[in-house]
């Protein structure tokens, strides 16, 4: 290619591709994720928060831990724990069958 010559889009078949994967999976071509982690920034943090929230609700229900204990155990504020528990109650209420 010469200087100042426009770069044309090449077909993937004619490009050199090193399948180095990422920290989630060692190969892009065999990755089990439905969407690449680089296509949607913040997905991993969202997944971790969701797992944390489920665990907080589970521990509150099964072990009966206080909001303060949950906040200390998960390294979040008591306000965050209250929000998580409030959201879980709202979801539970919405999933109840409607009376006719």
PDB file of N, CA and C in Angstrom:
ATOM      1  N   UNK A   1       0.847  -1.170   0.000  1.00  0.00           N
ATOM      2  CA  UNK A   1       0.000   0.000   0.000  1.00  0.00           C
ATOM      3  C   UNK A   1       0.897   1.240   0.000  1.00  0.00           C
ATOM      4  N   UNK A   2       0.504   2.188  -0.800  1.00  0.00           N
ATOM      5  CA  UNK A   2       1.265   3.425  -0.881  1.00  0.00           C
ATOM      6  C   UNK A   2       0.753   4.434   0.121  1.00  0.00           C
ATOM      7  N   UNK A   3       1.591   5.398   0.396  1.00  0.00           N
ATOM      8  CA  UNK A   3       1.201   6.487   1.284  1.00  0.00           C
ATOM      9  C   UNK A   3       0.011   7.224   0.721  1.00  0.00           C
ATOM     10  N   UNK A   4      -0.892   7.662   1.598  1.00  0.00           N
ATOM     11  CA  UNK A   4      -2.083   8.430   1.238  1.00  0.00           C
ATOM     12  C   UNK A   4      -3.073   7.663   0.371  1.00  0.00           C
ATOM     13  N   UNK A   5      -2.881   6.358   0.216  1.00  0.00           N
ATOM     14  CA  UNK A   5      -3.839   5.549  -0.531  1.00  0.00           C
ATOM     15  C   UNK A   5      -4.974   5.162   0.429  1.00  0.00           C
ATOM     16  N   UNK A   6      -6.236   5.262  -0.012  1.00  0.00           N
ATOM     17  CA  UNK A   6      -7.337   4.938   0.901  1.00  0.00           C
ATOM     18  C   UNK A   6      -7.301   3.464   1.304  1.00  0.00           C
ATOM     19  N   UNK A   7      -7.646   3.222   2.553  1.00  0.00           N
ATOM     20  CA  UNK A   7      -7.686   1.858   3.059  1.00  0.00           C
ATOM     21  C   UNK A   7      -9.045   1.275   2.706  1.00  0.00           C
ATOM     22  N   UNK A   8      -9.039   0.161   2.020  1.00  0.00           N
ATOM     23  CA  UNK A   8     -10.286  -0.487   1.635  1.00  0.00           C
ATOM     24  C   UNK A   8     -10.608  -1.575   2.652  1.00  0.00           C
ATOM     25  N   UNK A   9     -11.884  -1.784   2.869  1.00  0.00           N
ATOM     26  CA  UNK A   9     -12.289  -2.868   3.761  1.00  0.00           C
ATOM     27  C   UNK A   9     -11.956  -4.196   3.109  1.00  0.00           C
ATOM     28  N   UNK A  10     -11.331  -5.052   3.870  1.00  0.00           N
ATOM     29  CA  UNK A  10     -10.989  -6.363   3.355  1.00  0.00           C
ATOM     30  C   UNK A  10     -11.993  -7.382   3.870  1.00  0.00           C
ATOM     31  N   UNK A  11     -12.145  -8.444   3.139  1.00  0.00           N
ATOM     32  CA  UNK A  11     -12.980  -9.543   3.596  1.00  0.00           C
ATOM     33  C   UNK A  11     -12.270 -10.256   4.741  1.00  0.00           C
ATOM     34  N   UNK A  12     -13.013 -10.801   5.682  1.00  0.00           N
ATOM     35  CA  UNK A  12     -12.372 -11.479   6.810  1.00  0.00           C
ATOM     36  C   UNK A  12     -11.457 -12.615   6.379  1.00  0.00           C
ATOM     37  N   UNK A  13     -11.792 -13.266   5.273  1.00  0.00           N
ATOM     38  CA  UNK A  13     -10.966 -14.389   4.812  1.00  0.00           C
ATOM     39  C   UNK A  13      -9.560 -13.954   4.413  1.00  0.00           C
ATOM     40  N   UNK A  14      -9.420 -12.690   4.034  1.00  0.00           N
ATOM     41  CA  UNK A  14      -8.110 -12.243   3.587  1.00  0.00           C
ATOM     42  C   UNK A  14      -7.333 -11.517   4.691  1.00  0.00           C
ATOM     43  N   UNK A  15      -7.876 -11.520   5.892  1.00  0.00           N
ATOM     44  CA  UNK A  15      -7.208 -10.869   7.020  1.00  0.00           C
ATOM     45  C   UNK A  15      -6.552 -11.912   7.914  1.00  0.00           C
ATOM     46  N   UNK A  16      -5.442 -11.540   8.477  1.00  0.00           N
ATOM     47  CA  UNK A  16      -4.791 -12.409   9.457  1.00  0.00           C
ATOM     48  C   UNK A  16      -5.516 -12.209  10.791  1.00  0.00           C
ATOM     49  N   UNK A  17      -5.973 -13.299  11.395  1.00  0.00           N
ATOM     50  CA  UNK A  17      -6.734 -13.217  12.640  1.00  0.00           C
ATOM     51  C   UNK A  17      -6.090 -14.132  13.671  1.00  0.00           C
ATOM     52  N   UNK A  18      -5.653 -13.534  14.769  1.00  0.00           N
ATOM     53  CA  UNK A  18      -5.115 -14.321  15.879  1.00  0.00           C
ATOM     54  C   UNK A  18      -6.207 -14.467  16.914  1.00  0.00           C
ATOM     55  N   UNK A  19      -6.652 -15.668  17.117  1.00  0.00           N
ATOM     56  CA  UNK A  19      -7.719 -15.940  18.065  1.00  0.00           C
ATOM     57  C   UNK A  19      -7.122 -16.050  19.465  1.00  0.00           C
ATOM     58  N   UNK A  20      -6.972 -14.895  20.105  1.00  0.00           N
ATOM     59  CA  UNK A  20      -6.347 -14.879  21.429  1.00  0.00           C
ATOM     60  C   UNK A  20      -7.364 -14.913  22.560  1.00  0.00           C
ATOM     61  N   UNK A  21      -8.639 -14.796  22.226  1.00  0.00           N
ATOM     62  CA  UNK A  21      -9.662 -14.848  23.268  1.00  0.00           C
ATOM     63  C   UNK A  21      -9.581 -13.656  24.205  1.00  0.00           C
ATOM     64  N   UNK A  22     -10.058 -13.868  25.444  1.00  0.00           N
ATOM     65  CA  UNK A  22     -10.033 -12.815  26.454  1.00  0.00           C
ATOM     66  C   UNK A  22      -9.943 -13.468  27.827  1.00  0.00           C
ATOM     67  N   UNK A  23     -10.206 -12.694  28.880  1.00  0.00           N
ATOM     68  CA  UNK A  23     -10.118 -13.257  30.222  1.00  0.00           C
ATOM     69  C   UNK A  23     -11.295 -14.176  30.543  1.00  0.00           C
ATOM     70  N   UNK A  24     -12.332 -14.185  29.700  1.00  0.00           N
ATOM     71  CA  UNK A  24     -13.484 -15.049  29.921  1.00  0.00           C
ATOM     72  C   UNK A  24     -13.278 -16.417  29.280  1.00  0.00           C
ATOM     73  N   UNK A  25     -12.745 -16.437  28.060  1.00  0.00           N
ATOM     74  CA  UNK A  25     -12.563 -17.694  27.322  1.00  0.00           C
ATOM     75  C   UNK A  25     -11.306 -17.582  26.457  1.00  0.00           C
ATOM     76  N   UNK A  26     -10.534 -18.643  26.336  1.00  0.00           N
ATOM     77  CA  UNK A  26      -9.271 -18.549  25.599  1.00  0.00           C
ATOM     78  C   UNK A  26      -9.414 -18.423  24.079  1.00  0.00           C
ATOM     79  N   UNK A  27     -10.601 -18.687  23.531  1.00  0.00           N
ATOM     80  CA  UNK A  27     -10.779 -18.620  22.086  1.00  0.00           C
ATOM     81  C   UNK A  27     -12.084 -17.908  21.736  1.00  0.00           C
ATOM     82  N   UNK A  28     -12.000 -16.905  20.873  1.00  0.00           N
ATOM     83  CA  UNK A  28     -13.210 -16.189  20.434  1.00  0.00           C
ATOM     84  C   UNK A  28     -14.118 -17.108  19.622  1.00  0.00           C
ATOM     85  N   UNK A  29     -13.511 -17.956  18.812  1.00  0.00           N
ATOM     86  CA  UNK A  29     -14.292 -18.787  17.900  1.00  0.00           C
ATOM     87  C   UNK A  29     -15.097 -19.866  18.605  1.00  0.00           C
ATOM     88  N   UNK A  30     -14.721 -20.247  19.813  1.00  0.00           N
ATOM     89  CA  UNK A  30     -15.463 -21.278  20.549  1.00  0.00           C
ATOM     90  C   UNK A  30     -16.047 -20.743  21.852  1.00  0.00           C
ATOM     91  N   UNK A  31     -16.110 -19.439  21.988  1.00  0.00           N
ATOM     92  CA  UNK A  31     -16.599 -18.820  23.223  1.00  0.00           C
ATOM     93  C   UNK A  31     -18.073 -19.163  23.452  1.00  0.00           C
ATOM     94  N   UNK A  32     -18.457 -19.531  24.684  1.00  0.00           N
ATOM     95  CA  UNK A  32     -19.843 -19.891  24.969  1.00  0.00           C
ATOM     96  C   UNK A  32     -20.764 -18.688  25.196  1.00  0.00           C
ATOM     97  N   UNK A  33     -20.203 -17.487  25.311  1.00  0.00           N
ATOM     98  CA  UNK A  33     -21.037 -16.316  25.574  1.00  0.00           C
ATOM     99  C   UNK A  33     -21.923 -15.991  24.370  1.00  0.00           C
ATOM    100  N   UNK A  34     -23.156 -15.555  24.613  1.00  0.00           N
ATOM    101  CA  UNK A  34     -24.034 -15.214  23.495  1.00  0.00           C
ATOM    102  C   UNK A  34     -23.610 -13.933  22.779  1.00  0.00           C
ATOM    103  N   UNK A  35     -22.874 -13.074  23.474  1.00  0.00           N
ATOM    104  CA  UNK A  35     -22.395 -11.820  22.897  1.00  0.00           C
ATOM    105  C   UNK A  35     -20.989 -11.572  23.419  1.00  0.00           C
ATOM    106  N   UNK A  36     -20.128 -11.057  22.575  1.00  0.00           N
ATOM    107  CA  UNK A  36     -18.748 -10.786  22.976  1.00  0.00           C
ATOM    108  C   UNK A  36     -18.711  -9.756  24.093  1.00  0.00           C
ATOM    109  N   UNK A  37     -17.851  -9.997  25.049  1.00  0.00           N
ATOM    110  CA  UNK A  37     -17.749  -9.078  26.181  1.00  0.00           C
ATOM    111  C   UNK A  37     -17.306  -7.689  25.754  1.00  0.00           C
ATOM    112  N   UNK A  38     -16.622  -7.580  24.623  1.00  0.00           N
ATOM    113  CA  UNK A  38     -16.166  -6.282  24.143  1.00  0.00           C
ATOM    114  C   UNK A  38     -17.251  -5.538  23.367  1.00  0.00           C
ATOM    115  N   UNK A  39     -18.298  -6.239  22.948  1.00  0.00           N
ATOM    116  CA  UNK A  39     -19.389  -5.592  22.208  1.00  0.00           C
ATOM    117  C   UNK A  39     -20.278  -4.771  23.132  1.00  0.00           C
ATOM    118  N   UNK A  40     -20.358  -5.156  24.394  1.00  0.00           N
ATOM    119  CA  UNK A  40     -21.210  -4.435  25.343  1.00  0.00           C
ATOM    120  C   UNK A  40     -20.418  -4.162  26.620  1.00  0.00           C
ATOM    121  N   UNK A  41     -19.861  -2.963  26.737  1.00  0.00           N
ATOM    122  CA  UNK A  41     -19.080  -2.662  27.923  1.00  0.00           C
ATOM    123  C   UNK A  41     -19.950  -2.713  29.188  1.00  0.00           C
ATOM    124  N   UNK A  42     -19.399  -3.218  30.241  1.00  0.00           N
ATOM    125  CA  UNK A  42     -20.106  -3.248  31.511  1.00  0.00           C
ATOM    126  C   UNK A  42     -20.911  -4.508  31.760  1.00  0.00           C
ATOM    127  N   UNK A  43     -20.938  -5.454  30.809  1.00  0.00           N
ATOM    128  CA  UNK A  43     -21.755  -6.650  31.002  1.00  0.00           C
ATOM    129  C   UNK A  43     -21.238  -7.496  32.150  1.00  0.00           C
ATOM    130  N   UNK A  44     -19.938  -7.567  32.284  1.00  0.00           N
ATOM    131  CA  UNK A  44     -19.382  -8.434  33.337  1.00  0.00           C
ATOM    132  C   UNK A  44     -19.718  -7.892  34.722  1.00  0.00           C
ATOM    133  N   UNK A  45     -19.616  -6.582  34.894  1.00  0.00           N
ATOM    134  CA  UNK A  45     -19.973  -5.982  36.180  1.00  0.00           C
ATOM    135  C   UNK A  45     -21.441  -6.227  36.489  1.00  0.00           C
ATOM    136  N   UNK A  46     -22.292  -6.130  35.452  1.00  0.00           N
ATOM    137  CA  UNK A  46     -23.720  -6.384  35.640  1.00  0.00           C
ATOM    138  C   UNK A  46     -23.963  -7.820  36.077  1.00  0.00           C
ATOM    139  N   UNK A  47     -23.254  -8.755  35.456  1.00  0.00           N
ATOM    140  CA  UNK A  47     -23.391 -10.168  35.822  1.00  0.00           C
ATOM    141  C   UNK A  47     -22.968 -10.395  37.268  1.00  0.00           C
ATOM    142  N   UNK A  48     -21.840  -9.792  37.645  1.00  0.00           N
ATOM    143  CA  UNK A  48     -21.350  -9.957  39.021  1.00  0.00           C
ATOM    144  C   UNK A  48     -22.317  -9.342  40.019  1.00  0.00           C
ATOM    145  N   UNK A  49     -22.887  -8.181  39.692  1.00  0.00           N
ATOM    146  CA  UNK A  49     -23.867  -7.551  40.581  1.00  0.00           C
ATOM    147  C   UNK A  49     -25.113  -8.411  40.716  1.00  0.00           C
ATOM    148  N   UNK A  50     -25.555  -8.986  39.610  1.00  0.00           N
ATOM    149  CA  UNK A  50     -26.743  -9.841  39.652  1.00  0.00           C
ATOM    150  C   UNK A  50     -26.499 -11.044  40.542  1.00  0.00           C
ATOM    151  N   UNK A  51     -25.333 -11.672  40.395  1.00  0.00           N
ATOM    152  CA  UNK A  51     -24.991 -12.818  41.248  1.00  0.00           C
ATOM    153  C   UNK A  51     -24.936 -12.395  42.712  1.00  0.00           C
ATOM    154  N   UNK A  52     -24.351 -11.243  42.978  1.00  0.00           N
ATOM    155  CA  UNK A  52     -24.274 -10.728  44.349  1.00  0.00           C
ATOM    156  C   UNK A  52     -25.675 -10.491  44.914  1.00  0.00           C
ATOM    157  N   UNK A  53     -26.537  -9.877  44.118  1.00  0.00           N
ATOM    158  CA  UNK A  53     -27.888  -9.572  44.577  1.00  0.00           C
ATOM    159  C   UNK A  53     -28.667 -10.843  44.905  1.00  0.00           C
ATOM    160  N   UNK A  54     -28.545 -11.855  44.056  1.00  0.00           N
ATOM    161  CA  UNK A  54     -29.229 -13.128  44.304  1.00  0.00           C
ATOM    162  C   UNK A  54     -28.719 -13.742  45.596  1.00  0.00           C
ATOM    163  N   UNK A  55     -27.432 -13.677  45.811  1.00  0.00           N
ATOM    164  CA  UNK A  55     -26.841 -14.246  47.027  1.00  0.00           C
ATOM    165  C   UNK A  55     -27.304 -13.481  48.274  1.00  0.00           C
ATOM    166  N   UNK A  56     -27.408 -12.166  48.177  1.00  0.00           N
ATOM    167  CA  UNK A  56     -27.878 -11.364  49.316  1.00  0.00           C
ATOM    168  C   UNK A  56     -29.308 -11.750  49.674  1.00  0.00           C
ATOM    169  N   UNK A  57     -30.164 -11.863  48.673  1.00  0.00           N
ATOM    170  CA  UNK A  57     -31.564 -12.236  48.926  1.00  0.00           C
ATOM    171  C   UNK A  57     -31.635 -13.643  49.511  1.00  0.00           C
ATOM    172  N   UNK A  58     -30.836 -14.549  48.968  1.00  0.00           N
ATOM    173  CA  UNK A  58     -30.825 -15.930  49.462  1.00  0.00           C
ATOM    174  C   UNK A  58     -30.370 -16.003  50.914  1.00  0.00           C
ATOM    175  N   UNK A  59     -29.299 -15.293  51.244  1.00  0.00           N
ATOM    176  CA  UNK A  59     -28.763 -15.316  52.610  1.00  0.00           C
ATOM    177  C   UNK A  59     -29.723 -14.651  53.591  1.00  0.00           C
ATOM    178  N   UNK A  60     -30.413 -13.622  53.141  1.00  0.00           N
ATOM    179  CA  UNK A  60     -31.400 -12.965  54.003  1.00  0.00           C
ATOM    180  C   UNK A  60     -32.537 -13.939  54.326  1.00  0.00           C
ATOM    181  N   UNK A  61     -32.999 -14.671  53.301  1.00  0.00           N
ATOM    182  CA  UNK A  61     -34.104 -15.605  53.482  1.00  0.00           C
ATOM    183  C   UNK A  61     -33.727 -16.846  54.262  1.00  0.00           C
ATOM    184  N   UNK A  62     -32.607 -17.463  53.909  1.00  0.00           N
ATOM    185  CA  UNK A  62     -32.220 -18.736  54.538  1.00  0.00           C
ATOM    186  C   UNK A  62     -31.576 -18.567  55.902  1.00  0.00           C
ATOM    187  N   UNK A  63     -30.682 -17.601  56.006  1.00  0.00           N
ATOM    188  CA  UNK A  63     -29.920 -17.445  57.249  1.00  0.00           C
ATOM    189  C   UNK A  63     -30.484 -16.352  58.148  1.00  0.00           C
ATOM    190  N   UNK A  64     -31.369 -15.532  57.591  1.00  0.00           N
ATOM    191  CA  UNK A  64     -31.961 -14.459  58.384  1.00  0.00           C
ATOM    192  C   UNK A  64     -30.965 -13.406  58.830  1.00  0.00           C
ATOM    193  N   UNK A  65     -29.929 -13.168  58.005  1.00  0.00           N
ATOM    194  CA  UNK A  65     -28.924 -12.167  58.363  1.00  0.00           C
ATOM    195  C   UNK A  65     -29.536 -10.766  58.314  1.00  0.00           C
ATOM    196  N   UNK A  66     -29.051  -9.909  59.181  1.00  0.00           N
ATOM    197  CA  UNK A  66     -29.541  -8.531  59.206  1.00  0.00           C
ATOM    198  C   UNK A  66     -28.974  -7.763  58.018  1.00  0.00           C
ATOM    199  N   UNK A  67     -29.570  -6.625  57.749  1.00  0.00           N
ATOM    200  CA  UNK A  67     -29.107  -5.762  56.661  1.00  0.00           C
ATOM    201  C   UNK A  67     -27.658  -5.343  56.902  1.00  0.00           C
ATOM    202  N   UNK A  68     -27.339  -5.016  58.141  1.00  0.00           N
ATOM    203  CA  UNK A  68     -25.971  -4.603  58.483  1.00  0.00           C
ATOM    204  C   UNK A  68     -24.975  -5.739  58.249  1.00  0.00           C
ATOM    205  N   UNK A  69     -25.351  -6.961  58.634  1.00  0.00           N
ATOM    206  CA  UNK A  69     -24.457  -8.112  58.417  1.00  0.00           C
ATOM    207  C   UNK A  69     -24.246  -8.359  56.928  1.00  0.00           C
ATOM    208  N   UNK A  70     -25.309  -8.274  56.162  1.00  0.00           N
ATOM    209  CA  UNK A  70     -25.191  -8.469  54.713  1.00  0.00           C
ATOM    210  C   UNK A  70     -24.316  -7.391  54.083  1.00  0.00           C
ATOM    211  N   UNK A  71     -24.503  -6.154  54.508  1.00  0.00           N
ATOM    212  CA  UNK A  71     -23.698  -5.049  53.969  1.00  0.00           C
ATOM    213  C   UNK A  71     -22.217  -5.264  54.257  1.00  0.00           C
ATOM    214  N   UNK A  72     -21.903  -5.657  55.476  1.00  0.00           N
ATOM    215  CA  UNK A  72     -20.491  -5.900  55.827  1.00  0.00           C
ATOM    216  C   UNK A  72     -19.940  -7.091  55.048  1.00  0.00           C
ATOM    217  N   UNK A  73     -20.703  -8.157  54.940  1.00  0.00           N
ATOM    218  CA  UNK A  73     -20.236  -9.369  54.281  1.00  0.00           C
ATOM    219  C   UNK A  73     -19.956  -9.135  52.799  1.00  0.00           C
ATOM    220  N   UNK A  74     -20.778  -8.309  52.147  1.00  0.00           N
ATOM    221  CA  UNK A  74     -20.630  -8.092  50.701  1.00  0.00           C
ATOM    222  C   UNK A  74     -19.912  -6.789  50.356  1.00  0.00           C
ATOM    223  N   UNK A  75     -19.544  -6.016  51.358  1.00  0.00           N
ATOM    224  CA  UNK A  75     -18.798  -4.785  51.111  1.00  0.00           C
ATOM    225  C   UNK A  75     -19.610  -3.708  50.415  1.00  0.00           C
ATOM    226  N   UNK A  76     -20.892  -3.615  50.757  1.00  0.00           N
ATOM    227  CA  UNK A  76     -21.760  -2.588  50.183  1.00  0.00           C
ATOM    228  C   UNK A  76     -22.406  -1.814  51.322  1.00  0.00           C
ATOM    229  N   UNK A  77     -23.099  -0.746  50.985  1.00  0.00           N
ATOM    230  CA  UNK A  77     -23.773   0.042  52.012  1.00  0.00           C
ATOM    231  C   UNK A  77     -25.089  -0.625  52.411  1.00  0.00           C
ATOM    232  N   UNK A  78     -25.610  -0.233  53.574  1.00  0.00           N
ATOM    233  CA  UNK A  78     -26.906  -0.764  54.002  1.00  0.00           C
ATOM    234  C   UNK A  78     -28.000  -0.286  53.040  1.00  0.00           C
ATOM    235  N   UNK A  79     -27.832   0.882  52.476  1.00  0.00           N
ATOM    236  CA  UNK A  79     -28.809   1.390  51.508  1.00  0.00           C
ATOM    237  C   UNK A  79     -28.863   0.484  50.279  1.00  0.00           C
ATOM    238  N   UNK A  80     -27.708   0.022  49.821  1.00  0.00           N
ATOM    239  CA  UNK A  80     -27.664  -0.893  48.674  1.00  0.00           C
ATOM    240  C   UNK A  80     -28.397  -2.190  49.008  1.00  0.00           C
ATOM    241  N   UNK A  81     -28.177  -2.713  50.209  1.00  0.00           N
ATOM    242  CA  UNK A  81     -28.856  -3.945  50.614  1.00  0.00           C
ATOM    243  C   UNK A  81     -30.368  -3.721  50.641  1.00  0.00           C
ATOM    244  N   UNK A  82     -30.805  -2.595  51.188  1.00  0.00           N
ATOM    245  CA  UNK A  82     -32.235  -2.289  51.220  1.00  0.00           C
ATOM    246  C   UNK A  82     -32.813  -2.222  49.799  1.00  0.00           C
ATOM    247  N   UNK A  83     -32.075  -1.603  48.860  1.00  0.00           N
ATOM    248  CA  UNK A  83     -32.539  -1.523  47.475  1.00  0.00           C
ATOM    249  C   UNK A  83     -32.672  -2.908  46.855  1.00  0.00           C
ATOM    250  N   UNK A  84     -31.669  -3.759  47.096  1.00  0.00           N
ATOM    251  CA  UNK A  84     -31.679  -5.116  46.541  1.00  0.00           C
ATOM    252  C   UNK A  84     -32.872  -5.897  47.087  1.00  0.00           C
ATOM    253  N   UNK A  85     -33.074  -5.814  48.390  1.00  0.00           N
ATOM    254  CA  UNK A  85     -34.184  -6.540  49.006  1.00  0.00           C
ATOM    255  C   UNK A  85     -35.526  -5.977  48.534  1.00  0.00           C
ATOM    256  N   UNK A  86     -35.620  -4.677  48.377  1.00  0.00           N
ATOM    257  CA  UNK A  86     -36.850  -4.064  47.883  1.00  0.00           C
ATOM    258  C   UNK A  86     -37.182  -4.505  46.473  1.00  0.00           C
ATOM    259  N   UNK A  87     -36.162  -4.562  45.604  1.00  0.00           N
ATOM    260  CA  UNK A  87     -36.376  -5.026  44.228  1.00  0.00           C
ATOM    261  C   UNK A  87     -36.830  -6.477  44.218  1.00  0.00           C
ATOM    262  N   UNK A  88     -36.244  -7.299  45.079  1.00  0.00           N
ATOM    263  CA  UNK A  88     -36.612  -8.721  45.087  1.00  0.00           C
ATOM    264  C   UNK A  88     -38.049  -8.903  45.558  1.00  0.00           C
ATOM    265  N   UNK A  89     -38.494  -8.079  46.502  1.00  0.00           N
ATOM    266  CA  UNK A  89     -39.883  -8.159  46.965  1.00  0.00           C
ATOM    267  C   UNK A  89     -40.840  -7.703  45.872  1.00  0.00           C
ATOM    268  N   UNK A  90     -40.463  -6.669  45.137  1.00  0.00           N
ATOM    269  CA  UNK A  90     -41.313  -6.185  44.051  1.00  0.00           C
ATOM    270  C   UNK A  90     -41.452  -7.247  42.967  1.00  0.00           C
ATOM    271  N   UNK A  91     -40.380  -7.950  42.659  1.00  0.00           N
ATOM    272  CA  UNK A  91     -40.426  -9.020  41.655  1.00  0.00           C
ATOM    273  C   UNK A  91     -41.307 -10.158  42.157  1.00  0.00           C
ATOM    274  N   UNK A  92     -41.187 -10.505  43.441  1.00  0.00           N
ATOM    275  CA  UNK A  92     -41.988 -11.586  44.013  1.00  0.00           C
ATOM    276  C   UNK A  92     -43.476 -11.233  43.963  1.00  0.00           C
ATOM    277  N   UNK A  93     -43.820 -10.004  44.259  1.00  0.00           N
ATOM    278  CA  UNK A  93     -45.224  -9.577  44.246  1.00  0.00           C
ATOM    279  C   UNK A  93     -45.761  -9.618  42.816  1.00  0.00           C
ATOM    280  N   UNK A  94     -44.985  -9.149  41.851  1.00  0.00           N
ATOM    281  CA  UNK A  94     -45.438  -9.157  40.447  1.00  0.00           C
ATOM    282  C   UNK A  94     -45.636 -10.566  39.919  1.00  0.00           C
ATOM    283  N   UNK A  95     -44.883 -11.532  40.461  1.00  0.00           N
ATOM    284  CA  UNK A  95     -44.978 -12.901  39.944  1.00  0.00           C
ATOM    285  C   UNK A  95     -46.115 -13.689  40.578  1.00  0.00           C
ATOM    286  N   UNK A  96     -46.788 -13.123  41.591  1.00  0.00           N
ATOM    287  CA  UNK A  96     -47.925 -13.811  42.198  1.00  0.00           C
ATOM    288  C   UNK A  96     -49.075 -13.868  41.203  1.00  0.00           C
ATOM    289  N   UNK A  97     -49.850 -14.984  41.233  1.00  0.00           N
ATOM    290  CA  UNK A  97     -51.009 -15.053  40.332  1.00  0.00           C
ATOM    291  C   UNK A  97     -52.064 -14.034  40.749  1.00  0.00           C
ATOM    292  N   UNK A  98     -52.738 -13.472  39.772  1.00  0.00           N
ATOM    293  CA  UNK A  98     -53.754 -12.466  40.052  1.00  0.00           C
ATOM    294  C   UNK A  98     -55.048 -13.137  40.487  1.00  0.00           C
ATOM    295  N   UNK A  99     -55.725 -12.575  41.481  1.00  0.00           N
ATOM    296  CA  UNK A  99     -56.993 -13.124  41.944  1.00  0.00           C
ATOM    297  C   UNK A  99     -58.096 -12.712  40.988  1.00  0.00           C
ATOM    298  N   UNK A 100     -59.007 -13.623  40.714  1.00  0.00           N
ATOM    299  CA  UNK A 100     -60.091 -13.264  39.802  1.00  0.00           C
ATOM    300  C   UNK A 100     -61.400 -13.148  40.525  1.00  0.00           C
TER     301      UNK A 100
END
